[in-house]
Amino acid sequence: GHEQLLKTMEERMMDVEQKLRLVKRLLQDKVNQLKEQLSRNTKADAMVKDLYVENAQLLKALEMAEHQQKTAERKNYLLEEKIANLTRIVKNLASPSFNS
């Protein structure tokens, strides 16, 4: 009975060791998966930061372009007013000569 008990205990120990090896392998696989996920997340985080910076630069460029457009529109309006005034002056200068 004693030898049978030892043999049974030995078989259980081998079974437990085999299960432990399996669990260890599964845990190592999970660790590898998590390392890969961390690497992907780190790359994605860097890309998001780059996009954030690029977006800020683009917004600044857009603001500058809009400011330049408004300035150009103001100058254009002033030039149109000057043209209208000059046209009126030329008409006024030309009309007395036609009358005489």
C-alpha atoms as a PDB file:
ATOM      1  CA  GLY A   1       0.000   0.000   0.000  1.00  0.00           C
ATOM      2  CA  HIS A   2       2.851   2.352   0.833  1.00  0.00           C
ATOM      3  CA  GLU A   3       4.527   1.895  -2.583  1.00  0.00           C
ATOM      4  CA  GLN A   4       1.189   2.306  -4.348  1.00  0.00           C
ATOM      5  CA  LEU A   5       0.613   5.551  -2.446  1.00  0.00           C
ATOM      6  CA  LEU A   6       4.091   6.784  -3.458  1.00  0.00           C
ATOM      7  CA  LYS A   7       3.437   5.872  -7.079  1.00  0.00           C
ATOM      8  CA  THR A   8       0.067   7.683  -7.033  1.00  0.00           C
ATOM      9  CA  MET A   9       1.701  10.749  -5.458  1.00  0.00           C
ATOM     10  CA  GLU A  10       4.467  10.636  -8.068  1.00  0.00           C
ATOM     11  CA  GLU A  11       1.906  10.486 -10.900  1.00  0.00           C
ATOM     12  CA  ARG A  12       0.023  13.425  -9.403  1.00  0.00           C
ATOM     13  CA  MET A  13       3.255  15.391  -9.113  1.00  0.00           C
ATOM     14  CA  MET A  14       4.090  14.696 -12.778  1.00  0.00           C
ATOM     15  CA  ASP A  15       0.563  15.708 -13.771  1.00  0.00           C
ATOM     16  CA  VAL A  16       0.841  18.925 -11.735  1.00  0.00           C
ATOM     17  CA  GLU A  17       4.264  19.679 -13.261  1.00  0.00           C
ATOM     18  CA  GLN A  18       2.876  19.135 -16.763  1.00  0.00           C
ATOM     19  CA  LYS A  19      -0.051  21.459 -16.037  1.00  0.00           C
ATOM     20  CA  LEU A  20       2.345  24.029 -14.584  1.00  0.00           C
ATOM     21  CA  ARG A  21       4.480  23.892 -17.735  1.00  0.00           C
ATOM     22  CA  LEU A  22       1.352  24.410 -19.826  1.00  0.00           C
ATOM     23  CA  VAL A  23       0.243  27.350 -17.678  1.00  0.00           C
ATOM     24  CA  LYS A  24       3.752  28.808 -17.875  1.00  0.00           C
ATOM     25  CA  ARG A  25       3.696  28.530 -21.686  1.00  0.00           C
ATOM     26  CA  LEU A  26       0.247  30.145 -21.835  1.00  0.00           C
ATOM     27  CA  LEU A  27       1.380  32.956 -19.545  1.00  0.00           C
ATOM     28  CA  GLN A  28       4.478  33.521 -21.662  1.00  0.00           C
ATOM     29  CA  ASP A  29       2.297  33.717 -24.776  1.00  0.00           C
ATOM     30  CA  LYS A  30       0.099  36.267 -23.012  1.00  0.00           C
ATOM     31  CA  VAL A  31       3.171  38.273 -21.943  1.00  0.00           C
ATOM     32  CA  ASN A  32       4.373  38.304 -25.567  1.00  0.00           C
ATOM     33  CA  GLN A  33       0.953  39.450 -26.779  1.00  0.00           C
ATOM     34  CA  LEU A  34       0.891  42.229 -24.202  1.00  0.00           C
ATOM     35  CA  LYS A  35       4.415  43.339 -25.149  1.00  0.00           C
ATOM     36  CA  GLU A  36       3.372  43.537 -28.815  1.00  0.00           C
ATOM     37  CA  GLN A  37       0.231  45.474 -27.843  1.00  0.00           C
ATOM     38  CA  LEU A  38       2.313  47.879 -25.750  1.00  0.00           C
ATOM     39  CA  SER A  39       4.653  48.411 -28.684  1.00  0.00           C
ATOM     40  CA  ARG A  40       1.715  49.124 -31.018  1.00  0.00           C
ATOM     41  CA  ASN A  41       0.156  51.464 -28.446  1.00  0.00           C
ATOM     42  CA  THR A  42       3.441  53.319 -28.012  1.00  0.00           C
ATOM     43  CA  LYS A  43       3.734  53.808 -31.776  1.00  0.00           C
ATOM     44  CA  ALA A  44       0.104  54.913 -32.003  1.00  0.00           C
ATOM     45  CA  ASP A  45       0.628  57.345 -29.112  1.00  0.00           C
ATOM     46  CA  ALA A  46       3.634  58.869 -30.883  1.00  0.00           C
ATOM     47  CA  MET A  47       1.589  59.202 -34.087  1.00  0.00           C
ATOM     48  CA  VAL A  48      -1.246  60.904 -32.200  1.00  0.00           C
ATOM     49  CA  LYS A  49       1.218  63.374 -30.670  1.00  0.00           C
ATOM     50  CA  ASP A  50       2.724  64.076 -34.098  1.00  0.00           C
ATOM     51  CA  LEU A  51      -0.753  64.615 -35.556  1.00  0.00           C
ATOM     52  CA  TYR A  52      -1.635  66.928 -32.670  1.00  0.00           C
ATOM     53  CA  VAL A  53       1.449  69.061 -33.359  1.00  0.00           C
ATOM     54  CA  GLU A  54       0.796  69.032 -37.108  1.00  0.00           C
ATOM     55  CA  ASN A  55      -2.828  70.014 -36.521  1.00  0.00           C
ATOM     56  CA  ALA A  56      -1.733  72.951 -34.369  1.00  0.00           C
ATOM     57  CA  GLN A  57       0.657  74.079 -37.100  1.00  0.00           C
ATOM     58  CA  LEU A  58      -2.052  73.780 -39.746  1.00  0.00           C
ATOM     59  CA  LEU A  59      -4.480  75.790 -37.618  1.00  0.00           C
ATOM     60  CA  LYS A  60      -1.871  78.533 -37.207  1.00  0.00           C
ATOM     61  CA  ALA A  61      -1.235  78.543 -40.970  1.00  0.00           C
ATOM     62  CA  LEU A  62      -4.995  78.716 -41.603  1.00  0.00           C
ATOM     63  CA  GLU A  63      -5.353  81.669 -39.220  1.00  0.00           C
ATOM     64  CA  MET A  64      -2.517  83.465 -40.997  1.00  0.00           C
ATOM     65  CA  ALA A  65      -4.044  82.749 -44.423  1.00  0.00           C
ATOM     66  CA  GLU A  66      -7.441  84.016 -43.253  1.00  0.00           C
ATOM     67  CA  HIS A  67      -5.816  87.177 -41.876  1.00  0.00           C
ATOM     68  CA  GLN A  68      -3.986  87.732 -45.183  1.00  0.00           C
ATOM     69  CA  GLN A  69      -7.238  87.201 -47.087  1.00  0.00           C
ATOM     70  CA  LYS A  70      -9.067  89.767 -44.930  1.00  0.00           C
ATOM     71  CA  THR A  71      -6.216  92.238 -45.404  1.00  0.00           C
ATOM     72  CA  ALA A  72      -6.300  91.679 -49.179  1.00  0.00           C
ATOM     73  CA  GLU A  73     -10.093  92.127 -49.217  1.00  0.00           C
ATOM     74  CA  ARG A  74      -9.743  95.411 -47.297  1.00  0.00           C
ATOM     75  CA  LYS A  75      -7.055  96.658 -49.707  1.00  0.00           C
ATOM     76  CA  ASN A  76      -9.190  95.596 -52.657  1.00  0.00           C
ATOM     77  CA  TYR A  77     -12.181  97.497 -51.263  1.00  0.00           C
ATOM     78  CA  LEU A  78     -10.055 100.623 -50.755  1.00  0.00           C
ATOM     79  CA  LEU A  79      -8.682 100.330 -54.306  1.00  0.00           C
ATOM     80  CA  GLU A  80     -12.215  99.988 -55.709  1.00  0.00           C
ATOM     81  CA  GLU A  81     -13.224 103.121 -53.808  1.00  0.00           C
ATOM     82  CA  LYS A  82     -10.215 104.990 -55.220  1.00  0.00           C
ATOM     83  CA  ILE A  83     -11.068 103.809 -58.736  1.00  0.00           C
ATOM     84  CA  ALA A  84     -14.666 104.980 -58.282  1.00  0.00           C
ATOM     85  CA  ASN A  85     -13.434 108.380 -57.011  1.00  0.00           C
ATOM     86  CA  LEU A  86     -10.956 108.727 -59.867  1.00  0.00           C
ATOM     87  CA  THR A  87     -13.642 107.807 -62.380  1.00  0.00           C
ATOM     88  CA  ARG A  88     -15.935 110.459 -60.903  1.00  0.00           C
ATOM     89  CA  ILE A  89     -13.105 113.042 -61.062  1.00  0.00           C
ATOM     90  CA  VAL A  90     -12.342 112.177 -64.699  1.00  0.00           C
ATOM     91  CA  LYS A  91     -16.055 112.472 -65.605  1.00  0.00           C
ATOM     92  CA  ASN A  92     -16.243 115.846 -63.840  1.00  0.00           C
ATOM     93  CA  LEU A  93     -13.132 117.054 -65.633  1.00  0.00           C
ATOM     94  CA  ALA A  94     -14.381 115.789 -68.990  1.00  0.00           C
ATOM     95  CA  SER A  95     -17.910 117.181 -68.777  1.00  0.00           C
ATOM     96  CA  PRO A  96     -17.013 120.954 -68.852  1.00  0.00           C
ATOM     97  CA  SER A  97     -14.932 120.387 -71.987  1.00  0.00           C
ATOM     98  CA  PHE A  98     -17.918 118.768 -73.672  1.00  0.00           C
ATOM     99  CA  ASN A  99     -20.145 121.670 -72.606  1.00  0.00           C
ATOM    100  CA  SER A 100     -17.860 124.311 -74.126  1.00  0.00           C
END
